[in-house]
């Protein structure tokens, strides 16, 4: 530590970060995450699905991710890139805002004497199976080619995951998914999910999201006024769910 202090560590760190941006690379040693499993409270301990995998990543890598995230956030906020109905991982937004919006839409529909159906969808293992080529495509929509965009894209190449065994860590190549514990994972999810939120839905349908949890609010006038029944609204809802299913299969790996 004494050697680091004498070498003026803050200046060294700044030089290092700037060099990464100049070279448009995210250093390979920062791309390996050590997987630690956390048991989900109330779940069976004998099931693998009862554990949440968290990636422990190098501190310097997370600092570089934070730097990139700050630069991207300026563009996103200035240009209002993301749909306002995404309430997850957004500065100034929270689950309370999402709930208030949902309740407001329902109450307004009821005041107009509309039937209302709410369908809640959770995209299972969304972060773990997000496709890298889709993330790259959405990043290129945000940015023209630059040191920021290319460094962000480089995060996705040559990633590795490690798991501690009784002997040495077992390491394998990671070809999909965003590590839970990475600073950029929420950004990558939001820019991919933005596509489905910006779909041109019919006026009686609103879709909103909190991270990977989606909620459809479908409304229609009463049976006596327009012959729209609750069962018809249900069929409309099922049709839109199928669109979400198609979008998921295009953007997220699925296993048979």
Protein backbone atom coordinates (compact mmCIF):
# COMPACT_ATOMS: atom_id res chain seq x y z
CA UNK A 1 0.00 0.00 0.00
CA UNK A 2 2.87 2.36 0.77
CA UNK A 3 4.21 1.91 -2.77
CA UNK A 4 0.78 2.67 -4.23
CA UNK A 5 0.42 5.82 -2.11
CA UNK A 6 3.81 7.13 -3.18
CA UNK A 7 2.90 6.60 -6.84
CA UNK A 8 -0.10 8.94 -6.50
CA UNK A 9 -2.86 6.36 -6.81
CA UNK A 10 -5.72 8.76 -7.84
CA UNK A 11 -3.70 9.98 -10.80
CA UNK A 12 -2.72 6.43 -11.71
CA UNK A 13 -6.35 5.33 -11.57
CA UNK A 14 -7.50 8.24 -13.76
CA UNK A 15 -4.78 7.48 -16.30
CA UNK A 16 -5.77 3.81 -16.35
CA UNK A 17 -9.48 4.56 -16.89
CA UNK A 18 -8.77 7.06 -19.65
CA UNK A 19 -6.47 4.59 -21.38
CA UNK A 20 -9.23 1.96 -21.37
CA UNK A 21 -11.55 4.46 -23.05
CA UNK A 22 -8.87 5.52 -25.54
CA UNK A 23 -8.23 1.90 -26.51
CA UNK A 24 -11.98 1.09 -26.40
CA UNK A 25 -11.37 -2.03 -24.34
CA UNK A 26 -12.68 -3.47 -21.10
CA UNK A 27 -9.69 -5.38 -19.67
CA UNK A 28 -10.11 -9.15 -19.83
CA UNK A 29 -9.17 -9.80 -16.17
CA UNK A 30 -12.20 -7.71 -15.16
CA UNK A 31 -14.59 -9.96 -17.10
CA UNK A 32 -14.49 -13.00 -14.81
CA UNK A 33 -17.14 -13.16 -12.12
CA UNK A 34 -16.95 -15.51 -9.14
CA UNK A 35 -20.43 -16.99 -8.68
CA UNK A 36 -21.80 -17.08 -5.14
CA UNK A 37 -25.20 -18.65 -4.48
CA UNK A 38 -27.61 -16.97 -2.06
CA UNK A 39 -30.57 -18.95 -0.78
CA UNK A 40 -33.96 -17.34 -1.44
CA UNK A 41 -35.86 -17.05 1.80
CA UNK A 42 -38.76 -19.48 2.09
CA UNK A 43 -37.55 -21.69 -0.79
CA UNK A 44 -36.58 -25.37 -0.61
CA UNK A 45 -32.85 -25.74 0.01
CA UNK A 46 -32.59 -28.87 -2.15
CA UNK A 47 -33.67 -27.11 -5.37
CA UNK A 48 -31.17 -25.23 -7.55
CA UNK A 49 -33.94 -22.76 -8.42
CA UNK A 50 -34.05 -21.74 -4.76
CA UNK A 51 -30.71 -19.96 -5.06
CA UNK A 52 -29.83 -16.60 -6.58
CA UNK A 53 -26.43 -16.50 -8.37
CA UNK A 54 -24.51 -13.30 -7.61
CA UNK A 55 -21.29 -12.49 -9.45
CA UNK A 56 -18.41 -11.10 -7.41
CA UNK A 57 -16.51 -8.91 -9.88
CA UNK A 58 -13.15 -7.09 -9.60
CA UNK A 59 -13.45 -3.66 -7.96
CA UNK A 60 -11.51 -1.84 -10.70
CA UNK A 61 -13.81 -3.36 -13.30
CA UNK A 62 -16.88 -2.15 -11.42
CA UNK A 63 -15.37 1.35 -11.22
CA UNK A 64 -14.89 1.35 -15.00
CA UNK A 65 -18.47 0.10 -15.45
CA UNK A 66 -19.69 2.95 -13.22
CA UNK A 67 -17.79 5.46 -15.35
CA UNK A 68 -19.31 4.10 -18.56
CA UNK A 69 -22.76 3.99 -16.97
CA UNK A 70 -22.54 7.66 -15.96
CA UNK A 71 -21.60 8.66 -19.51
CA UNK A 72 -24.45 6.64 -21.03
CA UNK A 73 -26.97 7.92 -18.46
CA UNK A 74 -26.31 11.49 -19.58
CA UNK A 75 -27.33 10.58 -23.13
CA UNK A 76 -30.33 8.51 -22.01
CA UNK A 77 -31.69 11.24 -19.71
CA UNK A 78 -30.96 14.13 -22.08
CA UNK A 79 -32.54 12.50 -25.12
CA UNK A 80 -35.32 10.76 -23.14
CA UNK A 81 -34.36 7.48 -24.78
CA UNK A 82 -36.14 4.98 -22.53
CA UNK A 83 -39.91 4.63 -22.36
CA UNK A 84 -41.41 6.45 -19.34
CA UNK A 85 -43.35 3.31 -18.38
CA UNK A 86 -40.13 1.50 -17.40
CA UNK A 87 -39.85 2.15 -13.67
CA UNK A 88 -37.01 -0.22 -12.80
CA UNK A 89 -33.36 0.81 -12.54
CA UNK A 90 -34.22 4.43 -13.36
CA UNK A 91 -33.05 7.52 -11.53
CA UNK A 92 -36.05 9.25 -9.94
CA UNK A 93 -38.32 6.21 -10.38
CA UNK A 94 -39.23 3.44 -7.95
CA UNK A 95 -41.74 0.66 -7.30
CA UNK A 96 -43.98 3.28 -5.66
CA UNK A 97 -44.14 5.26 -8.90
CA UNK A 98 -44.99 2.06 -10.79
CA UNK A 99 -47.81 1.18 -8.39
CA UNK A 100 -49.23 4.71 -8.45
CA UNK A 101 -49.25 4.69 -12.25
CA UNK A 102 -50.94 1.29 -12.34
CA UNK A 103 -53.63 2.31 -9.85
CA UNK A 104 -54.19 5.60 -11.67
CA UNK A 105 -54.87 3.84 -14.99
CA UNK A 106 -57.26 1.39 -13.31
CA UNK A 107 -59.14 4.16 -11.47
CA UNK A 108 -59.49 6.27 -14.63
CA UNK A 109 -60.91 3.28 -16.52
CA UNK A 110 -63.40 2.56 -13.74
CA UNK A 111 -64.54 6.20 -13.75
CA UNK A 112 -65.37 5.78 -17.43
CA UNK A 113 -67.33 2.62 -16.51
CA UNK A 114 -64.93 0.37 -18.36
CA UNK A 115 -64.15 -3.24 -17.65
CA UNK A 116 -60.52 -3.57 -16.55
CA UNK A 117 -58.24 -6.59 -16.68
CA UNK A 118 -54.70 -6.53 -15.28
CA UNK A 119 -52.23 -9.19 -16.41
CA UNK A 120 -48.90 -9.45 -14.61
CA UNK A 121 -45.95 -11.15 -16.29
CA UNK A 122 -42.54 -12.04 -14.88
CA UNK A 123 -39.83 -12.82 -17.46
CA UNK A 124 -38.16 -15.80 -15.85
CA UNK A 125 -34.33 -15.76 -15.73
CA UNK A 126 -34.30 -12.68 -17.95
CA UNK A 127 -30.88 -11.42 -16.88
CA UNK A 128 -29.26 -14.85 -16.99
CA UNK A 129 -30.23 -15.53 -20.60
CA UNK A 130 -30.17 -12.17 -22.36
CA UNK A 131 -28.60 -12.48 -25.83
CA UNK A 132 -25.40 -10.53 -26.40
CA UNK A 133 -26.09 -9.81 -30.06
CA UNK A 134 -29.39 -8.17 -29.08
CA UNK A 135 -27.66 -6.00 -26.45
CA UNK A 136 -25.11 -4.90 -29.06
CA UNK A 137 -27.85 -4.06 -31.54
CA UNK A 138 -29.71 -1.90 -29.00
CA UNK A 139 -26.50 -0.16 -27.88
CA UNK A 140 -25.80 0.84 -31.49
CA UNK A 141 -29.23 2.42 -31.66
CA UNK A 142 -28.32 4.57 -28.66
CA UNK A 143 -24.90 5.63 -29.80
CA UNK A 144 -23.04 6.30 -32.98
CA UNK A 145 -19.71 4.51 -32.89
CA UNK A 146 -17.62 5.99 -30.08
CA UNK A 147 -15.15 5.03 -27.39
CA UNK A 148 -18.03 4.75 -24.89
CA UNK A 149 -20.19 2.46 -27.03
CA UNK A 150 -17.28 0.28 -28.13
CA UNK A 151 -15.97 -0.10 -24.59
CA UNK A 152 -19.47 -1.05 -23.43
CA UNK A 153 -19.72 -3.63 -26.20
CA UNK A 154 -16.33 -5.03 -25.26
CA UNK A 155 -17.73 -5.90 -21.80
CA UNK A 156 -19.72 -8.62 -23.56
CA UNK A 157 -16.76 -10.32 -25.24
CA UNK A 158 -14.67 -13.05 -23.62
CA UNK A 159 -16.69 -13.06 -20.41
CA UNK A 160 -16.10 -15.89 -17.96
CA UNK A 161 -17.82 -17.24 -14.89
CA UNK A 162 -16.06 -19.06 -12.06
CA UNK A 163 -17.35 -21.24 -9.26
CA UNK A 164 -15.28 -22.16 -6.22
CA UNK A 165 -14.85 -25.91 -5.76
CA UNK A 166 -13.01 -27.82 -3.02
CA UNK A 167 -9.84 -27.66 -5.12
CA UNK A 168 -9.62 -24.73 -7.53
CA UNK A 169 -12.27 -22.50 -9.14
CA UNK A 170 -14.08 -24.08 -12.08
CA UNK A 171 -14.10 -21.55 -14.94
CA UNK A 172 -16.24 -21.55 -18.08
CA UNK A 173 -16.94 -19.17 -20.93
CA UNK A 174 -20.06 -17.04 -20.57
CA UNK A 175 -21.81 -16.57 -23.92
CA UNK A 176 -25.10 -15.08 -22.72
CA UNK A 177 -26.68 -13.31 -19.79
CA UNK A 178 -25.73 -10.32 -17.65
CA UNK A 179 -24.09 -11.04 -14.28
CA UNK A 180 -26.19 -10.12 -11.26
CA UNK A 181 -23.74 -7.86 -9.50
CA UNK A 182 -22.55 -6.03 -12.60
CA UNK A 183 -23.25 -2.27 -12.71
CA UNK A 184 -24.15 -2.34 -16.41
CA UNK A 185 -26.58 -5.29 -16.29
CA UNK A 186 -29.63 -3.12 -15.42
CA UNK A 187 -28.78 -0.79 -18.33
CA UNK A 188 -28.45 -3.68 -20.76
CA UNK A 189 -31.81 -5.08 -19.65
CA UNK A 190 -33.61 -1.74 -19.91
CA UNK A 191 -32.41 -0.94 -23.42
CA UNK A 192 -33.49 -4.39 -24.64
CA UNK A 193 -36.87 -4.30 -22.84
CA UNK A 194 -37.51 -0.83 -24.25
CA UNK A 195 -38.45 -2.36 -27.61
CA UNK A 196 -41.55 -4.12 -26.28
CA UNK A 197 -42.61 -1.09 -24.23
CA UNK A 198 -42.46 1.09 -27.35
CA UNK A 199 -44.68 -1.27 -29.32
CA UNK A 200 -47.67 0.54 -30.80
CA UNK A 201 -50.35 -0.94 -28.55
CA UNK A 202 -54.08 -0.25 -29.11
CA UNK A 203 -55.42 2.66 -27.08
CA UNK A 204 -57.28 0.35 -24.67
CA UNK A 205 -54.01 -1.34 -23.67
CA UNK A 206 -51.22 0.01 -21.49
CA UNK A 207 -48.01 -1.87 -20.78
CA UNK A 208 -45.65 -0.87 -18.02
CA UNK A 209 -42.65 -2.51 -16.38
CA UNK A 210 -40.58 -2.60 -13.27
CA UNK A 211 -37.33 -4.19 -14.47
CA UNK A 212 -38.36 -7.65 -15.81
CA UNK A 213 -41.88 -7.56 -14.31
CA UNK A 214 -44.49 -6.42 -16.81
CA UNK A 215 -48.11 -5.40 -16.26
CA UNK A 216 -50.79 -5.12 -18.94
CA UNK A 217 -53.84 -2.99 -18.19
CA UNK A 218 -56.61 -3.74 -20.69
CA UNK A 219 -59.88 -1.83 -20.57
CA UNK A 220 -63.07 -1.69 -22.61
CA UNK A 221 -66.47 -0.06 -22.37
CA UNK A 222 -69.38 -1.85 -20.75
CA UNK A 223 -71.32 -4.67 -22.40
CA UNK A 224 -74.42 -2.54 -22.98
CA UNK A 225 -72.59 0.30 -24.74
CA UNK A 226 -70.18 -1.43 -27.13
CA UNK A 227 -70.78 -5.17 -26.77
CA UNK A 228 -67.29 -5.65 -25.30
CA UNK A 229 -67.44 -8.44 -22.75
CA UNK A 230 -64.88 -9.43 -20.11
CA UNK A 231 -64.22 -12.63 -22.06
CA UNK A 232 -63.34 -10.58 -25.15
CA UNK A 233 -60.95 -8.46 -23.10
CA UNK A 234 -59.37 -11.69 -21.88
CA UNK A 235 -58.85 -12.84 -25.47
CA UNK A 236 -57.23 -9.50 -26.30
CA UNK A 237 -54.95 -9.96 -23.29
CA UNK A 238 -53.93 -13.45 -24.37
CA UNK A 239 -53.08 -12.15 -27.84
CA UNK A 240 -50.81 -9.49 -26.37
CA UNK A 241 -49.18 -12.01 -24.04
CA UNK A 242 -48.27 -14.05 -27.12
CA UNK A 243 -46.54 -10.95 -28.55
CA UNK A 244 -44.50 -10.73 -25.34
CA UNK A 245 -43.71 -14.44 -25.68
CA UNK A 246 -42.44 -13.90 -29.24
CA UNK A 247 -40.36 -10.92 -28.13
CA UNK A 248 -38.86 -12.95 -25.27
CA UNK A 249 -37.87 -15.81 -27.57
CA UNK A 250 -36.16 -13.36 -29.92
CA UNK A 251 -34.17 -11.58 -27.21
CA UNK A 252 -33.63 -14.19 -24.49
CA UNK A 253 -32.21 -17.70 -24.83
CA UNK A 254 -34.63 -20.47 -23.98
CA UNK A 255 -33.88 -24.05 -23.02
CA UNK A 256 -35.86 -27.11 -24.02
